[in-house]
Amino acid sequence: KKQEAYPGQPTVPGAQHDVDFMVKDSKRFADSGGWGYGAFEYDAATDVFRPANTTDNPPQENDAKCGYACHTVVQNRDYVFTEYGKR
């Protein structure tokens, strides 16, 4: 979110909702473009993460194919949506 009270209105973290990650391993995840996917939902009331499941939005199964299905639209970028910062 934008921190409107600070000069220049910098972008700062908002409320935690979930954590998602990808792991590249072409042998372990050969059937999903070489990527394994993980998703965890955050419960602010208990300060605990739990594995995402089929009741979440978007629904998550217990395999890499769920993340793979969403990421096929960026297959030409090795299935990665994120723009990496220039070093």
N, C-alpha and C. Protein backbone atom coordinates (compact mmCIF):
# COMPACT_ATOMS: atom_id res chain seq x y z
N LYS A 1 0.84 -1.18 0.00
CA LYS A 1 0.00 0.00 0.00
C LYS A 1 0.88 1.24 0.00
N LYS A 2 0.31 2.37 -0.37
CA LYS A 2 1.06 3.62 -0.32
C LYS A 2 0.95 4.23 1.07
N GLN A 3 2.08 4.69 1.59
CA GLN A 3 2.10 5.36 2.88
C GLN A 3 1.93 6.85 2.62
N GLU A 4 0.70 7.30 2.61
CA GLU A 4 0.36 8.67 2.21
C GLU A 4 0.90 9.72 3.17
N ALA A 5 1.17 9.35 4.43
CA ALA A 5 1.63 10.32 5.41
C ALA A 5 3.10 10.68 5.25
N TYR A 6 3.86 9.89 4.50
CA TYR A 6 5.29 10.12 4.35
C TYR A 6 5.58 10.84 3.04
N PRO A 7 6.65 11.65 3.04
CA PRO A 7 7.01 12.34 1.79
C PRO A 7 7.28 11.35 0.66
N GLY A 8 6.75 11.63 -0.49
CA GLY A 8 6.94 10.78 -1.66
C GLY A 8 6.00 9.60 -1.70
N GLN A 9 5.19 9.41 -0.68
CA GLN A 9 4.22 8.32 -0.60
C GLN A 9 4.84 6.98 -0.99
N PRO A 10 5.83 6.51 -0.20
CA PRO A 10 6.48 5.24 -0.53
C PRO A 10 5.53 4.06 -0.41
N THR A 11 5.85 2.98 -1.12
CA THR A 11 5.10 1.75 -1.01
C THR A 11 5.64 0.96 0.18
N VAL A 12 4.73 0.54 1.06
CA VAL A 12 5.09 -0.23 2.25
C VAL A 12 4.22 -1.48 2.31
N PRO A 13 4.62 -2.50 3.07
CA PRO A 13 3.79 -3.70 3.16
C PRO A 13 2.42 -3.40 3.74
N GLY A 14 1.40 -4.05 3.20
CA GLY A 14 0.05 -3.96 3.74
C GLY A 14 -0.21 -5.14 4.66
N ALA A 15 -1.46 -5.44 4.88
CA ALA A 15 -1.83 -6.57 5.74
C ALA A 15 -1.40 -7.89 5.09
N GLN A 16 -0.83 -8.76 5.89
CA GLN A 16 -0.43 -10.09 5.40
C GLN A 16 -1.66 -10.92 5.07
N HIS A 17 -1.66 -11.55 3.92
CA HIS A 17 -2.78 -12.40 3.51
C HIS A 17 -2.34 -13.84 3.34
N ASP A 18 -1.25 -14.02 2.60
CA ASP A 18 -0.75 -15.36 2.34
C ASP A 18 0.71 -15.29 1.90
N VAL A 19 1.30 -16.44 1.72
CA VAL A 19 2.66 -16.55 1.19
C VAL A 19 2.64 -17.64 0.13
N ASP A 20 3.20 -17.33 -1.02
CA ASP A 20 3.31 -18.29 -2.12
C ASP A 20 4.77 -18.37 -2.53
N PHE A 21 5.20 -19.54 -2.95
CA PHE A 21 6.57 -19.65 -3.45
C PHE A 21 6.66 -20.71 -4.53
N MET A 22 7.75 -20.61 -5.28
CA MET A 22 8.05 -21.54 -6.36
C MET A 22 9.47 -22.06 -6.15
N VAL A 23 9.68 -23.34 -6.47
CA VAL A 23 11.00 -23.96 -6.37
C VAL A 23 11.31 -24.60 -7.72
N LYS A 24 12.46 -24.27 -8.28
CA LYS A 24 12.86 -24.84 -9.57
C LYS A 24 13.65 -26.12 -9.35
N ASP A 25 13.15 -27.22 -9.87
CA ASP A 25 13.84 -28.52 -9.82
C ASP A 25 13.27 -29.36 -10.96
N SER A 26 13.96 -29.38 -12.07
CA SER A 26 13.43 -30.02 -13.28
C SER A 26 13.26 -31.54 -13.13
N LYS A 27 13.99 -32.16 -12.22
CA LYS A 27 13.81 -33.61 -12.01
C LYS A 27 12.59 -33.91 -11.14
N ARG A 28 12.45 -33.22 -10.02
CA ARG A 28 11.33 -33.48 -9.11
C ARG A 28 9.99 -33.01 -9.68
N PHE A 29 10.01 -31.95 -10.47
CA PHE A 29 8.77 -31.36 -10.97
C PHE A 29 8.70 -31.35 -12.49
N ALA A 30 9.12 -32.44 -13.10
CA ALA A 30 9.17 -32.52 -14.56
C ALA A 30 7.81 -32.32 -15.22
N ASP A 31 6.74 -32.73 -14.55
CA ASP A 31 5.41 -32.63 -15.16
C ASP A 31 4.75 -31.27 -14.96
N SER A 32 5.48 -30.31 -14.35
CA SER A 32 4.91 -28.97 -14.17
C SER A 32 5.92 -27.89 -14.58
N GLY A 33 6.55 -28.11 -15.71
CA GLY A 33 7.49 -27.13 -16.24
C GLY A 33 8.76 -26.98 -15.44
N GLY A 34 9.04 -27.95 -14.55
CA GLY A 34 10.24 -27.87 -13.73
C GLY A 34 10.05 -27.10 -12.43
N TRP A 35 8.84 -26.67 -12.16
CA TRP A 35 8.56 -25.86 -10.97
C TRP A 35 7.65 -26.58 -9.99
N GLY A 36 7.95 -26.45 -8.70
CA GLY A 36 7.05 -26.86 -7.62
C GLY A 36 6.47 -25.61 -6.99
N TYR A 37 5.24 -25.66 -6.56
CA TYR A 37 4.54 -24.50 -6.02
C TYR A 37 4.05 -24.78 -4.61
N GLY A 38 4.08 -23.77 -3.76
CA GLY A 38 3.55 -23.87 -2.41
C GLY A 38 2.75 -22.63 -2.07
N ALA A 39 1.68 -22.80 -1.32
CA ALA A 39 0.84 -21.67 -0.91
C ALA A 39 0.40 -21.88 0.53
N PHE A 40 0.50 -20.82 1.32
CA PHE A 40 0.12 -20.85 2.72
C PHE A 40 -0.73 -19.63 3.04
N GLU A 41 -1.86 -19.85 3.68
CA GLU A 41 -2.77 -18.78 4.09
C GLU A 41 -2.39 -18.33 5.50
N TYR A 42 -2.53 -17.02 5.75
CA TYR A 42 -2.17 -16.44 7.04
C TYR A 42 -3.43 -16.06 7.81
N ASP A 43 -3.48 -16.44 9.09
CA ASP A 43 -4.57 -16.06 9.98
C ASP A 43 -4.02 -15.03 10.96
N ALA A 44 -4.39 -13.76 10.77
CA ALA A 44 -3.86 -12.69 11.61
C ALA A 44 -4.27 -12.84 13.08
N ALA A 45 -5.45 -13.38 13.34
CA ALA A 45 -5.92 -13.52 14.71
C ALA A 45 -5.03 -14.45 15.53
N THR A 46 -4.50 -15.50 14.90
CA THR A 46 -3.65 -16.46 15.62
C THR A 46 -2.17 -16.31 15.26
N ASP A 47 -1.86 -15.48 14.26
CA ASP A 47 -0.49 -15.28 13.78
C ASP A 47 0.11 -16.61 13.31
N VAL A 48 -0.71 -17.40 12.58
CA VAL A 48 -0.31 -18.74 12.13
C VAL A 48 -0.57 -18.88 10.63
N PHE A 49 0.35 -19.57 9.95
CA PHE A 49 0.17 -19.94 8.56
C PHE A 49 -0.33 -21.38 8.49
N ARG A 50 -1.16 -21.68 7.49
CA ARG A 50 -1.61 -23.05 7.25
C ARG A 50 -1.51 -23.31 5.75
N PRO A 51 -1.31 -24.56 5.37
CA PRO A 51 -1.26 -24.87 3.93
C PRO A 51 -2.58 -24.47 3.26
N ALA A 52 -2.48 -23.85 2.10
CA ALA A 52 -3.68 -23.49 1.33
C ALA A 52 -4.39 -24.77 0.89
N ASN A 53 -5.71 -24.67 0.70
CA ASN A 53 -6.47 -25.85 0.30
C ASN A 53 -7.57 -25.48 -0.68
N THR A 54 -8.45 -26.41 -0.97
CA THR A 54 -9.47 -26.20 -2.00
C THR A 54 -10.55 -25.20 -1.61
N THR A 55 -10.61 -24.79 -0.33
CA THR A 55 -11.60 -23.78 0.07
C THR A 55 -11.08 -22.36 -0.11
N ASP A 56 -9.80 -22.20 -0.44
CA ASP A 56 -9.21 -20.87 -0.59
C ASP A 56 -9.45 -20.31 -1.99
N ASN A 57 -9.14 -19.02 -2.14
CA ASN A 57 -9.31 -18.36 -3.43
C ASN A 57 -7.96 -17.83 -3.89
N PRO A 58 -7.37 -18.35 -4.95
CA PRO A 58 -7.87 -19.47 -5.74
C PRO A 58 -7.68 -20.79 -4.99
N PRO A 59 -8.50 -21.78 -5.31
CA PRO A 59 -8.37 -23.07 -4.63
C PRO A 59 -7.03 -23.73 -4.94
N GLN A 60 -6.46 -24.39 -3.94
CA GLN A 60 -5.16 -25.04 -4.09
C GLN A 60 -5.29 -26.53 -3.80
N GLU A 61 -4.76 -27.33 -4.70
CA GLU A 61 -4.70 -28.77 -4.47
C GLU A 61 -3.37 -29.08 -3.78
N ASN A 62 -3.10 -30.33 -3.50
CA ASN A 62 -1.86 -30.73 -2.83
C ASN A 62 -0.82 -31.25 -3.80
N ASP A 63 -0.67 -30.57 -4.93
CA ASP A 63 0.35 -30.94 -5.89
C ASP A 63 0.78 -29.70 -6.66
N ALA A 64 1.81 -29.84 -7.46
CA ALA A 64 2.35 -28.70 -8.20
C ALA A 64 1.51 -28.30 -9.40
N LYS A 65 0.56 -29.13 -9.78
CA LYS A 65 -0.20 -28.85 -11.00
C LYS A 65 -1.11 -27.64 -10.87
N CYS A 66 -1.55 -27.32 -9.66
CA CYS A 66 -2.43 -26.17 -9.47
C CYS A 66 -1.70 -24.88 -9.82
N GLY A 67 -0.51 -24.67 -9.27
CA GLY A 67 0.27 -23.49 -9.60
C GLY A 67 0.67 -23.48 -11.07
N TYR A 68 0.99 -24.64 -11.58
CA TYR A 68 1.39 -24.76 -12.98
C TYR A 68 0.27 -24.31 -13.91
N ALA A 69 -0.96 -24.67 -13.61
CA ALA A 69 -2.09 -24.30 -14.47
C ALA A 69 -2.21 -22.78 -14.59
N CYS A 70 -2.04 -22.08 -13.49
CA CYS A 70 -2.14 -20.61 -13.51
C CYS A 70 -0.95 -19.97 -14.23
N HIS A 71 0.21 -20.58 -14.14
CA HIS A 71 1.43 -19.98 -14.67
C HIS A 71 1.69 -20.30 -16.14
N THR A 72 0.85 -21.10 -16.77
CA THR A 72 1.09 -21.41 -18.18
C THR A 72 0.97 -20.18 -19.07
N VAL A 73 0.29 -19.13 -18.62
CA VAL A 73 0.18 -17.90 -19.42
C VAL A 73 1.52 -17.19 -19.56
N VAL A 74 2.50 -17.53 -18.70
CA VAL A 74 3.84 -16.94 -18.80
C VAL A 74 4.89 -18.02 -19.07
N GLN A 75 4.49 -19.03 -19.83
CA GLN A 75 5.41 -20.12 -20.17
C GLN A 75 6.65 -19.58 -20.87
N ASN A 76 6.50 -18.55 -21.70
CA ASN A 76 7.65 -18.00 -22.43
C ASN A 76 8.62 -17.25 -21.50
N ARG A 77 8.25 -17.07 -20.24
CA ARG A 77 9.14 -16.45 -19.24
C ARG A 77 9.51 -17.46 -18.16
N ASP A 78 9.55 -18.74 -18.53
CA ASP A 78 9.85 -19.84 -17.62
C ASP A 78 8.85 -19.89 -16.47
N TYR A 79 7.59 -19.59 -16.76
CA TYR A 79 6.47 -19.70 -15.83
C TYR A 79 6.53 -18.71 -14.66
N VAL A 80 7.30 -17.63 -14.79
CA VAL A 80 7.49 -16.67 -13.69
C VAL A 80 6.81 -15.35 -14.03
N PHE A 81 5.90 -14.89 -13.16
CA PHE A 81 5.24 -13.59 -13.33
C PHE A 81 6.12 -12.43 -12.89
N THR A 82 6.90 -12.63 -11.83
CA THR A 82 7.63 -11.56 -11.17
C THR A 82 8.70 -10.95 -12.08
N GLU A 83 8.79 -9.64 -12.02
CA GLU A 83 9.88 -8.93 -12.69
C GLU A 83 11.02 -8.80 -11.67
N TYR A 84 12.17 -9.28 -11.99
CA TYR A 84 13.31 -9.18 -11.09
C TYR A 84 13.96 -7.82 -11.22
N GLY A 85 14.37 -7.25 -10.08
CA GLY A 85 15.04 -5.97 -10.09
C GLY A 85 16.40 -6.06 -10.74
N LYS A 86 16.80 -4.98 -11.40
CA LYS A 86 18.12 -4.94 -12.04
C LYS A 86 19.18 -4.79 -10.97
N ARG A 87 20.22 -5.60 -11.08
CA ARG A 87 21.31 -5.53 -10.10
C ARG A 87 22.45 -4.71 -10.63
